[in-house]
Amino acid sequence: ESWRATSTSKSTARAGGWGGLRQVCGRGCREPSTPRRAQSPPVPAVGMSDESRAVVWTDFEKALENRSYVFQLDLSSQRLKKLPDDIGKLNKVTSVNLSQNDLTEGSLNDNFFELQYLTELDLSHNHLKHLPPCLCMFLDLKKLDIRGNLFEGGPLKQAAMVRDLFPSCEVVY
């Protein structure tokens, strides 16, 4: 399925709530369990240092147990064929590295798209043939790495679609 992105897609999505997002993303995207927000990312807990925000969590189970303190998640090189079902519970995550796995577009479950503060996503070196339409759920995406995938039509076409939806997003392909 292809994206129906226009230069006004992002503002339409923000203004239109879920209806606006569904219009931009197309079919196949489940309505988020938490309402999409119009505010800034969460403020760190009182006493939480910049140093603790910089911790990169590599153990998913430990990250889940400490989800209030998880802002960066690295699940790279773990031979994942699908994402953990509870990934959407990491609701403060801003950066996810999923590189060097065995992921396809079907591997990115609905719960993954609950990560509403995501700004950086590394999907490099997987088995993606196209980017999932629900990627547009990440309203604040600033960097997307899609190198080393098996894109139909080549990575340039996928990068152009991302840039249409997120003009300020750096796409590495």
N, C-alpha and C. Protein backbone atom coordinates (compact mmCIF):
# COMPACT_ATOMS: atom_id res chain seq x y z
N GLU A 1 0.85 -1.17 0.00
CA GLU A 1 0.00 0.00 0.00
C GLU A 1 0.89 1.24 0.00
N SER A 2 0.54 2.23 -0.76
CA SER A 2 1.37 3.43 -0.82
C SER A 2 0.78 4.53 0.05
N TRP A 3 1.63 5.49 0.36
CA TRP A 3 1.18 6.60 1.18
C TRP A 3 0.43 7.58 0.32
N ARG A 4 -0.48 8.32 0.94
CA ARG A 4 -1.15 9.40 0.25
C ARG A 4 -0.69 10.69 0.90
N ALA A 5 0.58 11.02 0.70
CA ALA A 5 1.17 12.17 1.36
C ALA A 5 1.13 13.39 0.46
N THR A 6 0.86 14.52 1.06
CA THR A 6 0.91 15.80 0.37
C THR A 6 1.72 16.75 1.22
N SER A 7 2.01 17.89 0.69
CA SER A 7 2.81 18.84 1.46
C SER A 7 2.07 19.32 2.71
N THR A 8 0.76 19.18 2.73
CA THR A 8 0.00 19.61 3.91
C THR A 8 -0.37 18.44 4.81
N SER A 9 0.16 17.26 4.53
CA SER A 9 -0.21 16.07 5.29
C SER A 9 0.02 16.20 6.78
N LYS A 10 1.17 16.72 7.17
CA LYS A 10 1.50 16.78 8.59
C LYS A 10 0.57 17.73 9.32
N SER A 11 0.29 18.88 8.73
CA SER A 11 -0.62 19.82 9.40
C SER A 11 -2.04 19.26 9.42
N THR A 12 -2.44 18.56 8.38
CA THR A 12 -3.75 17.92 8.36
C THR A 12 -3.84 16.89 9.47
N ALA A 13 -2.80 16.10 9.63
CA ALA A 13 -2.79 15.07 10.67
C ALA A 13 -2.87 15.69 12.05
N ARG A 14 -2.12 16.74 12.29
CA ARG A 14 -2.15 17.38 13.60
C ARG A 14 -3.52 17.99 13.89
N ALA A 15 -4.08 18.66 12.91
CA ALA A 15 -5.35 19.35 13.11
C ALA A 15 -6.52 18.38 13.17
N GLY A 16 -6.44 17.29 12.42
CA GLY A 16 -7.59 16.40 12.29
C GLY A 16 -7.65 15.26 13.27
N GLY A 17 -6.73 15.20 14.22
CA GLY A 17 -6.74 14.09 15.17
C GLY A 17 -6.62 12.77 14.44
N TRP A 18 -7.27 11.71 14.98
CA TRP A 18 -7.17 10.39 14.37
C TRP A 18 -7.74 10.39 12.96
N GLY A 19 -8.84 11.11 12.74
CA GLY A 19 -9.42 11.17 11.40
C GLY A 19 -8.43 11.73 10.39
N GLY A 20 -7.72 12.78 10.80
CA GLY A 20 -6.70 13.37 9.93
C GLY A 20 -5.56 12.42 9.68
N LEU A 21 -5.13 11.70 10.72
CA LEU A 21 -4.05 10.73 10.55
C LEU A 21 -4.48 9.60 9.63
N ARG A 22 -5.70 9.10 9.83
CA ARG A 22 -6.17 8.00 8.98
C ARG A 22 -6.21 8.46 7.52
N GLN A 23 -6.63 9.69 7.30
CA GLN A 23 -6.70 10.22 5.94
C GLN A 23 -5.31 10.25 5.31
N VAL A 24 -4.31 10.66 6.08
CA VAL A 24 -2.95 10.76 5.58
C VAL A 24 -2.31 9.38 5.45
N CYS A 25 -2.49 8.55 6.48
CA CYS A 25 -1.81 7.25 6.52
C CYS A 25 -2.47 6.23 5.61
N GLY A 26 -3.74 6.32 5.44
CA GLY A 26 -4.43 5.33 4.64
C GLY A 26 -4.94 4.18 5.47
N ARG A 27 -5.45 3.17 4.79
CA ARG A 27 -5.98 2.00 5.48
C ARG A 27 -4.86 1.19 6.11
N GLY A 28 -5.23 0.35 7.05
CA GLY A 28 -4.25 -0.53 7.67
C GLY A 28 -3.69 -0.01 8.97
N CYS A 29 -3.97 1.22 9.32
CA CYS A 29 -3.48 1.78 10.57
C CYS A 29 -4.59 1.74 11.61
N ARG A 30 -4.28 1.12 12.72
CA ARG A 30 -5.24 1.01 13.81
C ARG A 30 -5.31 2.33 14.57
N GLU A 31 -6.47 2.66 15.07
CA GLU A 31 -6.61 3.87 15.88
C GLU A 31 -5.76 3.71 17.13
N PRO A 32 -4.96 4.75 17.47
CA PRO A 32 -4.11 4.65 18.65
C PRO A 32 -4.93 4.46 19.92
N SER A 33 -4.38 3.69 20.87
CA SER A 33 -5.10 3.47 22.13
C SER A 33 -5.03 4.70 23.02
N THR A 34 -4.00 5.52 22.83
CA THR A 34 -3.92 6.78 23.55
C THR A 34 -4.10 7.89 22.54
N PRO A 35 -4.82 8.95 22.92
CA PRO A 35 -5.04 10.03 21.97
C PRO A 35 -3.73 10.66 21.53
N ARG A 36 -3.65 11.03 20.27
CA ARG A 36 -2.48 11.74 19.77
C ARG A 36 -2.42 13.08 20.47
N ARG A 37 -1.23 13.50 20.79
CA ARG A 37 -1.06 14.71 21.55
C ARG A 37 -0.66 15.88 20.67
N ALA A 38 -0.90 17.05 21.20
CA ALA A 38 -0.52 18.26 20.49
C ALA A 38 0.51 19.02 21.31
N GLN A 39 1.02 18.39 22.37
CA GLN A 39 1.99 19.05 23.22
C GLN A 39 3.39 18.48 23.00
N SER A 40 4.37 19.04 23.71
CA SER A 40 5.76 18.61 23.61
C SER A 40 5.96 17.26 24.28
N PRO A 41 7.12 16.63 23.99
CA PRO A 41 7.44 15.36 24.65
C PRO A 41 7.44 15.50 26.16
N PRO A 42 7.35 14.38 26.87
CA PRO A 42 7.26 14.43 28.32
C PRO A 42 8.49 15.05 28.95
N VAL A 43 8.25 15.75 30.04
CA VAL A 43 9.33 16.35 30.81
C VAL A 43 9.91 15.25 31.70
N PRO A 44 11.24 15.17 31.81
CA PRO A 44 11.82 14.13 32.65
C PRO A 44 11.37 14.28 34.10
N ALA A 45 11.37 13.17 34.81
CA ALA A 45 10.99 13.18 36.21
C ALA A 45 11.92 14.11 36.98
N VAL A 46 11.40 14.70 38.05
CA VAL A 46 12.20 15.59 38.89
C VAL A 46 13.43 14.83 39.36
N GLY A 47 14.57 15.47 39.24
CA GLY A 47 15.81 14.84 39.66
C GLY A 47 16.45 13.96 38.60
N MET A 48 15.80 13.81 37.47
CA MET A 48 16.35 12.98 36.41
C MET A 48 17.34 13.81 35.60
N SER A 49 18.56 13.35 35.51
CA SER A 49 19.62 14.11 34.84
C SER A 49 19.60 13.85 33.33
N ASP A 50 20.29 14.73 32.62
CA ASP A 50 20.47 14.53 31.18
C ASP A 50 21.24 13.23 30.94
N GLU A 51 22.12 12.91 31.87
CA GLU A 51 22.92 11.68 31.76
C GLU A 51 22.02 10.44 31.79
N SER A 52 21.02 10.43 32.65
CA SER A 52 20.13 9.27 32.70
C SER A 52 19.22 9.21 31.49
N ARG A 53 18.91 10.35 30.89
CA ARG A 53 18.14 10.36 29.65
C ARG A 53 18.95 9.81 28.49
N ALA A 54 20.29 9.87 28.62
CA ALA A 54 21.17 9.42 27.55
C ALA A 54 21.41 7.91 27.59
N VAL A 55 20.93 7.23 28.61
CA VAL A 55 21.11 5.78 28.71
C VAL A 55 20.39 5.10 27.55
N VAL A 56 21.08 4.20 26.87
CA VAL A 56 20.49 3.44 25.78
C VAL A 56 20.17 2.05 26.31
N TRP A 57 18.90 1.70 26.33
CA TRP A 57 18.44 0.42 26.85
C TRP A 57 18.52 -0.63 25.75
N THR A 58 19.16 -1.76 26.04
CA THR A 58 19.29 -2.83 25.06
C THR A 58 18.53 -4.09 25.47
N ASP A 59 18.13 -4.19 26.70
CA ASP A 59 17.37 -5.33 27.20
C ASP A 59 15.90 -4.91 27.28
N PHE A 60 15.08 -5.46 26.39
CA PHE A 60 13.69 -5.02 26.31
C PHE A 60 12.93 -5.25 27.62
N GLU A 61 13.09 -6.39 28.24
CA GLU A 61 12.36 -6.68 29.49
C GLU A 61 12.72 -5.69 30.59
N LYS A 62 14.01 -5.36 30.72
CA LYS A 62 14.43 -4.38 31.73
C LYS A 62 13.90 -2.99 31.38
N ALA A 63 13.91 -2.68 30.10
CA ALA A 63 13.37 -1.39 29.66
C ALA A 63 11.89 -1.29 30.01
N LEU A 64 11.17 -2.35 29.81
CA LEU A 64 9.73 -2.37 30.11
C LEU A 64 9.49 -2.17 31.62
N GLU A 65 10.31 -2.81 32.44
CA GLU A 65 10.19 -2.66 33.89
C GLU A 65 10.48 -1.23 34.34
N ASN A 66 11.32 -0.52 33.61
CA ASN A 66 11.74 0.84 33.96
C ASN A 66 11.24 1.87 32.96
N ARG A 67 10.09 1.62 32.37
CA ARG A 67 9.63 2.41 31.22
C ARG A 67 9.54 3.91 31.47
N SER A 68 9.39 4.35 32.70
CA SER A 68 9.34 5.79 32.98
C SER A 68 10.67 6.47 32.71
N TYR A 69 11.74 5.68 32.63
CA TYR A 69 13.08 6.24 32.46
C TYR A 69 13.69 5.87 31.11
N VAL A 70 12.93 5.29 30.22
CA VAL A 70 13.46 4.82 28.94
C VAL A 70 13.13 5.82 27.84
N PHE A 71 14.20 6.42 27.30
CA PHE A 71 14.04 7.38 26.20
C PHE A 71 14.71 6.88 24.93
N GLN A 72 15.68 5.96 25.08
CA GLN A 72 16.38 5.40 23.93
C GLN A 72 16.40 3.89 24.04
N LEU A 73 16.00 3.22 22.96
CA LEU A 73 15.92 1.77 22.93
C LEU A 73 16.72 1.24 21.75
N ASP A 74 17.62 0.29 22.00
CA ASP A 74 18.43 -0.30 20.95
C ASP A 74 18.18 -1.81 20.93
N LEU A 75 17.42 -2.26 19.95
CA LEU A 75 17.15 -3.68 19.77
C LEU A 75 17.85 -4.20 18.51
N SER A 76 18.96 -3.58 18.16
CA SER A 76 19.69 -3.97 16.96
C SER A 76 20.37 -5.32 17.12
N SER A 77 20.58 -5.98 15.99
CA SER A 77 21.33 -7.25 15.91
C SER A 77 20.82 -8.32 16.87
N GLN A 78 19.50 -8.41 17.01
CA GLN A 78 18.92 -9.43 17.89
C GLN A 78 18.12 -10.48 17.10
N ARG A 79 18.29 -10.48 15.79
CA ARG A 79 17.62 -11.44 14.90
C ARG A 79 16.10 -11.43 15.07
N LEU A 80 15.57 -10.26 15.35
CA LEU A 80 14.13 -10.13 15.54
C LEU A 80 13.39 -10.34 14.22
N LYS A 81 12.34 -11.14 14.26
CA LYS A 81 11.45 -11.31 13.11
C LYS A 81 10.17 -10.51 13.33
N LYS A 82 9.89 -10.17 14.59
CA LYS A 82 8.76 -9.31 14.93
C LYS A 82 9.13 -8.55 16.18
N LEU A 83 8.44 -7.46 16.40
CA LEU A 83 8.70 -6.63 17.57
C LEU A 83 7.94 -7.18 18.77
N PRO A 84 8.45 -6.95 19.98
CA PRO A 84 7.72 -7.38 21.17
C PRO A 84 6.34 -6.71 21.21
N ASP A 85 5.34 -7.46 21.63
CA ASP A 85 3.97 -6.95 21.67
C ASP A 85 3.83 -5.74 22.58
N ASP A 86 4.63 -5.65 23.63
CA ASP A 86 4.51 -4.56 24.60
C ASP A 86 5.33 -3.32 24.26
N ILE A 87 5.89 -3.25 23.07
CA ILE A 87 6.76 -2.13 22.74
C ILE A 87 6.05 -0.78 22.88
N GLY A 88 4.77 -0.73 22.63
CA GLY A 88 4.03 0.52 22.73
C GLY A 88 3.91 1.06 24.14
N LYS A 89 4.22 0.24 25.14
CA LYS A 89 4.17 0.69 26.53
C LYS A 89 5.34 1.58 26.90
N LEU A 90 6.35 1.61 26.05
CA LEU A 90 7.50 2.49 26.30
C LEU A 90 7.17 3.88 25.78
N ASN A 91 6.23 4.51 26.43
CA ASN A 91 5.59 5.72 25.90
C ASN A 91 6.43 6.99 25.96
N LYS A 92 7.65 6.94 26.48
CA LYS A 92 8.51 8.12 26.49
C LYS A 92 9.69 8.00 25.52
N VAL A 93 9.76 6.90 24.83
CA VAL A 93 10.88 6.65 23.93
C VAL A 93 10.90 7.67 22.79
N THR A 94 12.09 8.22 22.54
CA THR A 94 12.26 9.16 21.43
C THR A 94 13.16 8.59 20.34
N SER A 95 13.93 7.54 20.66
CA SER A 95 14.87 6.96 19.69
C SER A 95 14.82 5.44 19.77
N VAL A 96 14.66 4.79 18.59
CA VAL A 96 14.63 3.33 18.53
C VAL A 96 15.56 2.86 17.41
N ASN A 97 16.45 1.92 17.76
CA ASN A 97 17.34 1.31 16.78
C ASN A 97 16.91 -0.13 16.59
N LEU A 98 16.42 -0.45 15.39
CA LEU A 98 15.99 -1.80 15.04
C LEU A 98 16.84 -2.37 13.92
N SER A 99 18.03 -1.82 13.72
CA SER A 99 18.88 -2.24 12.61
C SER A 99 19.40 -3.67 12.79
N GLN A 100 19.82 -4.25 11.67
CA GLN A 100 20.45 -5.57 11.65
C GLN A 100 19.56 -6.67 12.22
N ASN A 101 18.29 -6.66 11.88
CA ASN A 101 17.36 -7.71 12.29
C ASN A 101 16.76 -8.36 11.05
N ASP A 102 15.73 -9.14 11.22
CA ASP A 102 15.05 -9.81 10.12
C ASP A 102 13.63 -9.30 9.97
N LEU A 103 13.47 -7.99 10.12
CA LEU A 103 12.14 -7.39 10.12
C LEU A 103 11.63 -7.13 8.70
N THR A 104 10.33 -7.33 8.52
CA THR A 104 9.63 -6.94 7.30
C THR A 104 8.60 -5.90 7.71
N GLU A 105 7.91 -5.32 6.73
CA GLU A 105 6.90 -4.31 7.08
C GLU A 105 5.81 -4.90 7.97
N GLY A 106 5.52 -6.19 7.85
CA GLY A 106 4.53 -6.85 8.70
C GLY A 106 5.02 -7.08 10.13
N SER A 107 6.32 -6.96 10.34
CA SER A 107 6.90 -7.17 11.67
C SER A 107 6.63 -6.00 12.61
N LEU A 108 6.33 -4.86 12.03
CA LEU A 108 6.12 -3.65 12.83
C LEU A 108 4.66 -3.61 13.28
N ASN A 109 4.40 -4.21 14.43
CA ASN A 109 3.03 -4.37 14.91
C ASN A 109 2.38 -3.04 15.29
N ASP A 110 1.07 -3.07 15.44
CA ASP A 110 0.30 -1.87 15.76
C ASP A 110 0.82 -1.17 17.01
N ASN A 111 1.26 -1.93 17.99
CA ASN A 111 1.73 -1.33 19.24
C ASN A 111 2.97 -0.47 19.04
N PHE A 112 3.77 -0.80 18.04
CA PHE A 112 4.96 -0.01 17.74
C PHE A 112 4.58 1.43 17.41
N PHE A 113 3.47 1.61 16.73
CA PHE A 113 3.06 2.94 16.30
C PHE A 113 2.44 3.76 17.43
N GLU A 114 2.42 3.20 18.65
CA GLU A 114 2.00 3.93 19.84
C GLU A 114 3.12 4.82 20.39
N LEU A 115 4.33 4.67 19.88
CA LEU A 115 5.47 5.46 20.37
C LEU A 115 5.37 6.88 19.83
N GLN A 116 4.50 7.65 20.44
CA GLN A 116 4.12 8.94 19.87
C GLN A 116 5.18 10.04 19.97
N TYR A 117 6.26 9.84 20.70
CA TYR A 117 7.30 10.86 20.81
C TYR A 117 8.55 10.50 20.00
N LEU A 118 8.45 9.50 19.16
CA LEU A 118 9.60 9.02 18.40
C LEU A 118 10.12 10.10 17.46
N THR A 119 11.42 10.40 17.57
CA THR A 119 12.05 11.37 16.67
C THR A 119 13.13 10.73 15.81
N GLU A 120 13.70 9.59 16.27
CA GLU A 120 14.73 8.90 15.51
C GLU A 120 14.40 7.42 15.42
N LEU A 121 14.49 6.89 14.19
CA LEU A 121 14.18 5.49 13.96
C LEU A 121 15.19 4.90 12.98
N ASP A 122 15.85 3.82 13.40
CA ASP A 122 16.81 3.14 12.54
C ASP A 122 16.24 1.79 12.14
N LEU A 123 15.86 1.66 10.88
CA LEU A 123 15.33 0.42 10.32
C LEU A 123 16.33 -0.18 9.32
N SER A 124 17.56 0.24 9.37
CA SER A 124 18.55 -0.18 8.38
C SER A 124 18.86 -1.67 8.48
N HIS A 125 19.21 -2.23 7.34
CA HIS A 125 19.66 -3.62 7.23
C HIS A 125 18.65 -4.62 7.79
N ASN A 126 17.43 -4.53 7.27
CA ASN A 126 16.36 -5.48 7.56
C ASN A 126 15.89 -6.05 6.23
N HIS A 127 14.65 -6.48 6.16
CA HIS A 127 14.11 -7.08 4.93
C HIS A 127 12.86 -6.34 4.47
N LEU A 128 12.88 -5.01 4.59
CA LEU A 128 11.72 -4.21 4.20
C LEU A 128 11.66 -4.06 2.69
N LYS A 129 10.46 -4.26 2.12
CA LYS A 129 10.25 -4.04 0.69
C LYS A 129 9.62 -2.68 0.45
N HIS A 130 8.92 -2.18 1.45
CA HIS A 130 8.37 -0.82 1.42
C HIS A 130 8.17 -0.39 2.86
N LEU A 131 8.06 0.90 3.04
CA LEU A 131 7.82 1.43 4.39
C LEU A 131 6.34 1.30 4.72
N PRO A 132 6.02 0.95 5.95
CA PRO A 132 4.61 0.79 6.32
C PRO A 132 3.89 2.14 6.32
N PRO A 133 2.64 2.17 5.86
CA PRO A 133 1.89 3.42 5.82
C PRO A 133 1.74 4.06 7.19
N CYS A 134 1.73 3.28 8.24
CA CYS A 134 1.52 3.82 9.59
C CYS A 134 2.73 4.59 10.10
N LEU A 135 3.82 4.61 9.33
CA LEU A 135 4.98 5.38 9.74
C LEU A 135 4.60 6.85 9.95
N CYS A 136 3.57 7.29 9.27
CA CYS A 136 3.15 8.69 9.41
C CYS A 136 2.57 8.98 10.79
N MET A 137 2.37 7.96 11.61
CA MET A 137 1.91 8.17 12.98
C MET A 137 2.97 8.87 13.82
N PHE A 138 4.22 8.79 13.39
CA PHE A 138 5.31 9.43 14.13
C PHE A 138 5.42 10.89 13.68
N LEU A 139 4.60 11.73 14.28
CA LEU A 139 4.48 13.12 13.85
C LEU A 139 5.75 13.94 14.01
N ASP A 140 6.64 13.53 14.91
CA ASP A 140 7.84 14.32 15.19
C ASP A 140 9.12 13.68 14.66
N LEU A 141 9.00 12.77 13.70
CA LEU A 141 10.17 12.06 13.17
C LEU A 141 11.15 13.05 12.55
N LYS A 142 12.41 12.98 13.02
CA LYS A 142 13.46 13.88 12.53
C LYS A 142 14.55 13.12 11.78
N LYS A 143 14.73 11.83 12.09
CA LYS A 143 15.77 11.05 11.41
C LYS A 143 15.28 9.63 11.21
N LEU A 144 15.44 9.14 9.98
CA LEU A 144 15.04 7.78 9.62
C LEU A 144 16.15 7.16 8.79
N ASP A 145 16.66 6.02 9.26
CA ASP A 145 17.71 5.31 8.54
C ASP A 145 17.09 4.06 7.91
N ILE A 146 17.13 3.98 6.58
CA ILE A 146 16.51 2.86 5.85
C ILE A 146 17.52 2.15 4.94
N ARG A 147 18.80 2.34 5.19
CA ARG A 147 19.84 1.71 4.35
C ARG A 147 19.74 0.18 4.40
N GLY A 148 20.19 -0.46 3.33
CA GLY A 148 20.37 -1.90 3.32
C GLY A 148 19.10 -2.72 3.36
N ASN A 149 17.99 -2.20 2.85
CA ASN A 149 16.75 -2.96 2.75
C ASN A 149 16.49 -3.33 1.30
N LEU A 150 15.45 -4.07 1.04
CA LEU A 150 15.15 -4.59 -0.29
C LEU A 150 13.98 -3.85 -0.94
N PHE A 151 14.01 -2.54 -0.90
CA PHE A 151 12.86 -1.75 -1.34
C PHE A 151 12.52 -1.94 -2.81
N GLU A 152 11.21 -2.18 -3.04
CA GLU A 152 10.72 -2.22 -4.41
C GLU A 152 10.75 -0.80 -4.94
N GLY A 153 11.34 -0.61 -6.08
CA GLY A 153 11.47 0.73 -6.64
C GLY A 153 12.69 1.47 -6.12
N GLY A 154 13.44 0.85 -5.24
CA GLY A 154 14.67 1.43 -4.71
C GLY A 154 14.44 2.34 -3.51
N PRO A 155 15.50 2.60 -2.78
CA PRO A 155 15.39 3.40 -1.56
C PRO A 155 15.08 4.87 -1.83
N LEU A 156 15.46 5.37 -2.99
CA LEU A 156 15.20 6.77 -3.31
C LEU A 156 13.71 7.07 -3.31
N LYS A 157 12.91 6.16 -3.86
CA LYS A 157 11.46 6.34 -3.89
C LYS A 157 10.90 6.39 -2.47
N GLN A 158 11.37 5.49 -1.59
CA GLN A 158 10.90 5.48 -0.20
C GLN A 158 11.32 6.76 0.52
N ALA A 159 12.56 7.20 0.28
CA ALA A 159 13.05 8.42 0.90
C ALA A 159 12.21 9.63 0.47
N ALA A 160 11.84 9.66 -0.81
CA ALA A 160 11.02 10.78 -1.31
C ALA A 160 9.66 10.81 -0.63
N MET A 161 9.07 9.64 -0.40
CA MET A 161 7.78 9.60 0.29
C MET A 161 7.90 10.12 1.72
N VAL A 162 8.98 9.76 2.39
CA VAL A 162 9.19 10.23 3.76
C VAL A 162 9.37 11.74 3.76
N ARG A 163 10.13 12.25 2.82
CA ARG A 163 10.36 13.70 2.76
C ARG A 163 9.08 14.47 2.44
N ASP A 164 8.18 13.87 1.65
CA ASP A 164 6.90 14.52 1.39
C ASP A 164 6.10 14.68 2.67
N LEU A 165 6.13 13.67 3.51
CA LEU A 165 5.36 13.70 4.74
C LEU A 165 6.07 14.46 5.85
N PHE A 166 7.39 14.33 5.91
CA PHE A 166 8.19 14.97 6.95
C PHE A 166 9.31 15.78 6.29
N PRO A 167 9.04 16.99 5.81
CA PRO A 167 10.04 17.76 5.08
C PRO A 167 11.34 18.00 5.85
N SER A 168 11.28 18.05 7.18
CA SER A 168 12.48 18.32 7.96
C SER A 168 13.18 17.05 8.43
N CYS A 169 12.70 15.89 7.98
CA CYS A 169 13.26 14.60 8.41
C CYS A 169 14.51 14.27 7.58
N GLU A 170 15.58 13.93 8.27
CA GLU A 170 16.80 13.45 7.60
C GLU A 170 16.60 11.96 7.29
N VAL A 171 16.66 11.61 6.02
CA VAL A 171 16.49 10.21 5.62
C VAL A 171 17.84 9.69 5.12
N VAL A 172 18.34 8.64 5.78
CA VAL A 172 19.59 8.02 5.37
C VAL A 172 19.22 6.77 4.59
N TYR A 173 19.66 6.71 3.31
CA TYR A 173 19.32 5.57 2.45
C TYR A 173 20.48 5.13 1.61
